[in-house]
Amino acid sequence: MAKKKETNSARRKDKKGGPISGRRKSCACCKDKIVHIDYKDVPMLKRFTSERGKIRSRGMTGLCRRHQTQLAEAVKRSRELALIPYAGEPANEGTRPRRGRDRDRDRD
């Protein structure tokens, strides 16, 4: 029995979609021909940070290596100058009190 050879289109259909697709995002900064990321461009920097203030990874943002390092430097510089906060708003509402060291020690 001879095996039937798969065509390229059949293989591509299998890869499409899925949690880990084979295709990487193209760099948004390279598309827009941005040479250098400016630390004063706060709306753009907020796009690449999470609600808690963390810098998003390259896999999530889709930036190339060069622009990701420029982004990290720009975010750090703008934090230093207080243009964007170091940490986001705390989510205290609806959370249970922590048990352990933070508990009131004067209780019996």
Protein backbone atom coordinates (compact mmCIF):
# COMPACT_ATOMS: atom_id res chain seq x y z
CA MET A 1 0.00 0.00 0.00
CA ALA A 2 1.30 3.40 -0.94
CA LYS A 3 0.79 6.31 1.42
CA LYS A 4 -1.04 9.28 0.05
CA LYS A 5 1.15 12.39 0.07
CA GLU A 6 -0.28 15.36 1.99
CA THR A 7 -0.53 18.63 0.16
CA ASN A 8 0.74 21.90 1.60
CA SER A 9 -2.78 23.29 1.96
CA ALA A 10 -3.80 20.33 4.14
CA ARG A 11 -0.86 20.94 6.48
CA ARG A 12 -1.59 24.66 6.71
CA LYS A 13 -5.19 24.03 7.74
CA ASP A 14 -4.02 22.00 10.73
CA LYS A 15 -1.76 24.80 12.00
CA LYS A 16 -4.30 27.62 11.66
CA GLY A 17 -5.94 28.94 14.81
CA GLY A 18 -4.94 26.86 17.82
CA PRO A 19 -3.49 28.07 21.12
CA ILE A 20 0.03 28.11 19.72
CA SER A 21 -0.21 29.09 16.10
CA GLY A 22 2.87 28.80 13.94
CA ARG A 23 2.76 32.41 12.83
CA ARG A 24 4.34 35.25 14.84
CA LYS A 25 2.82 38.70 15.06
CA SER A 26 4.62 41.34 13.06
CA CYS A 27 6.14 44.24 14.96
CA ALA A 28 3.69 47.17 15.18
CA CYS A 29 6.55 49.67 15.44
CA CYS A 30 8.27 48.34 12.33
CA LYS A 31 4.94 48.50 10.46
CA ASP A 32 4.45 52.16 11.43
CA LYS A 33 8.15 52.86 10.71
CA ILE A 34 8.84 54.08 14.25
CA VAL A 35 12.61 54.40 14.59
CA HIS A 36 12.74 55.09 18.33
CA ILE A 37 10.10 54.68 21.06
CA ASP A 38 9.69 57.94 22.99
CA TYR A 39 9.31 57.87 26.78
CA LYS A 40 6.95 60.89 26.62
CA ASP A 41 4.38 59.03 24.50
CA VAL A 42 2.32 57.84 27.49
CA PRO A 43 -0.73 56.44 25.59
CA MET A 44 1.53 54.19 23.52
CA LEU A 45 3.46 53.00 26.60
CA LYS A 46 0.21 52.18 28.42
CA ARG A 47 -0.77 49.92 25.50
CA PHE A 48 2.23 47.72 26.27
CA THR A 49 1.84 47.57 30.07
CA SER A 50 -0.67 45.52 32.07
CA GLU A 51 -3.28 46.92 34.46
CA ARG A 52 -0.91 46.21 37.34
CA GLY A 53 1.88 48.19 35.65
CA LYS A 54 4.03 45.30 34.43
CA ILE A 55 5.76 45.49 31.05
CA ARG A 56 4.21 42.90 28.75
CA SER A 57 6.48 40.28 27.19
CA ARG A 58 7.57 40.12 23.58
CA GLY A 59 5.27 37.20 22.89
CA MET A 60 2.24 39.16 24.05
CA THR A 61 3.10 42.49 22.44
CA GLY A 62 4.45 41.10 19.17
CA LEU A 63 7.31 43.58 19.07
CA CYS A 64 10.71 42.72 17.62
CA ARG A 65 13.74 42.43 19.90
CA ARG A 66 15.00 45.94 19.14
CA HIS A 67 11.70 47.67 19.81
CA GLN A 68 10.98 45.56 22.92
CA THR A 69 14.23 46.71 24.54
CA GLN A 70 13.47 50.33 23.54
CA LEU A 71 9.99 49.94 25.03
CA ALA A 72 11.37 48.60 28.32
CA GLU A 73 13.84 51.51 28.57
CA ALA A 74 11.11 54.05 27.73
CA VAL A 75 8.72 52.61 30.34
CA LYS A 76 11.42 52.66 33.01
CA ARG A 77 12.40 56.22 32.12
CA SER A 78 8.79 57.45 32.18
CA ARG A 79 8.23 55.74 35.55
CA GLU A 80 11.29 57.54 36.91
CA LEU A 81 9.84 60.87 35.78
CA ALA A 82 6.39 59.94 37.18
CA LEU A 83 4.64 60.01 33.80
CA ILE A 84 3.26 56.51 34.40
CA PRO A 85 2.90 54.72 37.76
CA TYR A 86 5.18 51.92 38.93
CA ALA A 87 2.17 49.86 40.03
CA GLY A 88 -1.48 49.91 39.04
CA GLU A 89 -4.45 50.42 41.31
CA PRO A 90 -4.74 47.81 44.09
CA ALA A 91 -7.66 45.41 43.80
CA ASN A 92 -8.67 45.29 47.48
CA GLU A 93 -12.42 45.18 46.94
CA GLY A 94 -13.89 41.71 47.12
CA THR A 95 -10.73 39.99 48.30
CA ARG A 96 -10.43 38.01 51.50
CA PRO A 97 -8.05 39.18 54.21
CA ARG A 98 -4.70 37.44 54.14
CA ARG A 99 -3.95 34.86 56.78
CA GLY A 100 -0.59 34.56 58.40
CA ARG A 101 1.87 37.33 59.17
CA ASP A 102 -0.46 40.21 58.27
CA ARG A 103 -3.09 39.02 60.75
CA ASP A 104 -3.64 41.02 63.94
CA ARG A 105 -1.39 39.45 66.60
CA ASP A 106 -3.13 40.99 69.62
CA ARG A 107 -6.12 38.70 69.31
CA ASP A 108 -6.49 35.74 71.67
